[in-house]
Amino acid sequence: MIDDYEQQIRRALPYSGGTFTYEEVRDAVKAGRLQFWALNESFVITDVVNFPSHKNLHFFLLGGAMDDMKAMQGPIEAWGKSQGCTTASALGRKGWERSFIVERGWAPMATLFTKEL
């Protein structure tokens, strides 16, 4: 199923800072290290991050229609809670601050700076 969204995932990957290739994402989903969610023409890829103090559900890659994202948020968060996650995070473009996520309890926490070494 993930392969049906290959082009959308490839378009979203530059926003992840070059951390994965499409093939690496696909393989991690197939191995169960990342989770793939889809609705209509939209997708979300999540990652459960184990910190020493808690588990975090990280919304890693997203693409598609805002209404689909809105519909997927609740079930994905419920799944995260069932996995023991007590927090959620998402890395996205600044425009997300003007989306539905703010009214659903998300708040900007920091500004990410990057640099090639």
Protein backbone atom coordinates (compact mmCIF):
# COMPACT_ATOMS: atom_id res chain seq x y z
CA MET A 1 0.00 0.00 0.00
CA ILE A 2 2.83 2.44 0.73
CA ASP A 3 4.01 2.13 -2.87
CA ASP A 4 0.70 3.67 -4.01
CA TYR A 5 1.86 6.89 -2.31
CA GLU A 6 5.47 6.83 -3.54
CA GLN A 7 5.35 10.12 -5.47
CA GLN A 8 3.69 12.00 -2.60
CA ILE A 9 6.20 10.62 -0.13
CA ARG A 10 9.10 11.59 -2.39
CA ARG A 11 7.70 15.16 -2.57
CA ALA A 12 7.45 15.33 1.25
CA LEU A 13 10.91 13.92 2.02
CA PRO A 14 12.87 17.17 1.44
CA TYR A 15 10.95 18.66 4.40
CA SER A 16 12.42 15.96 6.66
CA GLY A 17 15.91 17.36 6.18
CA GLY A 18 17.16 14.53 3.99
CA THR A 19 16.98 12.03 6.85
CA PHE A 20 15.54 9.21 4.71
CA THR A 21 15.25 8.13 1.10
CA TYR A 22 11.95 6.78 -0.17
CA GLU A 23 13.39 3.27 -0.17
CA GLU A 24 14.50 3.63 3.47
CA VAL A 25 11.03 4.84 4.49
CA ARG A 26 9.35 2.01 2.59
CA ASP A 27 11.64 -0.58 4.15
CA ALA A 28 11.17 0.85 7.67
CA VAL A 29 7.38 0.74 7.24
CA LYS A 30 7.51 -2.83 5.96
CA ALA A 31 9.75 -3.82 8.90
CA GLY A 32 7.41 -2.13 11.40
CA ARG A 33 9.88 0.56 12.51
CA LEU A 34 7.68 3.32 11.04
CA GLN A 35 3.89 3.31 10.76
CA PHE A 36 2.03 4.16 7.54
CA TRP A 37 -1.48 5.64 7.62
CA ALA A 38 -3.57 6.50 4.56
CA LEU A 39 -6.97 7.99 3.80
CA ASN A 40 -8.10 8.78 0.27
CA GLU A 41 -5.15 10.51 -1.42
CA SER A 42 -3.45 11.46 1.86
CA PHE A 43 -0.85 9.79 4.05
CA VAL A 44 0.86 10.11 7.42
CA ILE A 45 4.00 8.30 8.51
CA THR A 46 4.68 8.09 12.24
CA ASP A 47 7.54 6.92 14.41
CA VAL A 48 7.36 5.84 18.04
CA VAL A 49 10.39 7.39 19.76
CA ASN A 50 11.50 5.87 23.05
CA PHE A 51 13.00 8.50 25.33
CA PRO A 52 14.33 7.58 28.80
CA SER A 53 11.36 9.31 30.46
CA HIS A 54 8.52 8.50 28.03
CA LYS A 55 7.39 7.41 24.59
CA ASN A 56 6.60 10.00 21.93
CA LEU A 57 4.50 9.56 18.80
CA HIS A 58 6.30 11.55 16.13
CA PHE A 59 4.37 12.57 13.01
CA PHE A 60 7.29 12.21 10.62
CA LEU A 61 5.89 12.76 7.10
CA LEU A 62 2.50 14.01 5.96
CA GLY A 63 0.99 14.71 2.59
CA GLY A 64 -2.40 15.25 1.03
CA ALA A 65 -5.64 17.02 1.88
CA MET A 66 -6.11 18.88 5.15
CA ASP A 67 -9.55 17.29 5.72
CA ASP A 68 -7.98 13.83 5.50
CA MET A 69 -5.23 14.84 7.94
CA LYS A 70 -7.88 16.09 10.32
CA ALA A 71 -9.79 12.80 10.08
CA MET A 72 -6.66 10.69 10.64
CA GLN A 73 -5.34 12.61 13.66
CA GLY A 74 -7.70 11.09 16.25
CA PRO A 75 -7.23 7.43 15.28
CA ILE A 76 -3.46 7.84 14.98
CA GLU A 77 -3.23 9.50 18.40
CA ALA A 78 -5.44 6.79 19.91
CA TRP A 79 -3.11 4.15 18.46
CA GLY A 80 -0.12 6.03 19.91
CA LYS A 81 -1.72 6.03 23.37
CA SER A 82 -2.33 2.28 23.05
CA GLN A 83 1.41 1.90 22.42
CA GLY A 84 2.26 3.78 25.63
CA CYS A 85 2.99 7.18 24.06
CA THR A 86 2.29 10.10 26.36
CA THR A 87 3.33 12.90 23.99
CA ALA A 88 3.18 13.62 20.28
CA SER A 89 5.40 15.75 18.08
CA ALA A 90 5.46 16.86 14.46
CA LEU A 91 8.02 18.64 12.37
CA GLY A 92 6.47 20.70 9.61
CA ARG A 93 6.52 23.85 7.59
CA LYS A 94 5.60 27.10 9.34
CA GLY A 95 2.21 27.12 7.58
CA TRP A 96 1.00 24.33 9.86
CA GLU A 97 0.67 26.99 12.58
CA ARG A 98 -2.36 28.28 10.64
CA SER A 99 -3.99 24.86 10.30
CA PHE A 100 -6.44 22.89 12.44
CA ILE A 101 -3.67 21.48 14.64
CA VAL A 102 -3.52 24.57 16.87
CA GLU A 103 -7.23 24.29 17.73
CA ARG A 104 -6.59 20.64 18.60
CA GLY A 105 -4.00 21.38 21.25
CA TRP A 106 -0.74 21.48 19.29
CA ALA A 107 1.63 24.37 20.02
CA PRO A 108 4.94 25.43 18.48
CA MET A 109 7.77 24.51 20.83
CA ALA A 110 11.03 25.56 19.18
CA THR A 111 12.67 26.64 15.97
CA LEU A 112 14.88 24.05 14.33
CA PHE A 113 18.22 25.21 12.98
CA THR A 114 20.28 23.02 10.68
CA LYS A 115 23.76 23.21 9.20
CA GLU A 116 25.85 20.92 7.05
CA LEU A 117 29.11 19.77 8.59
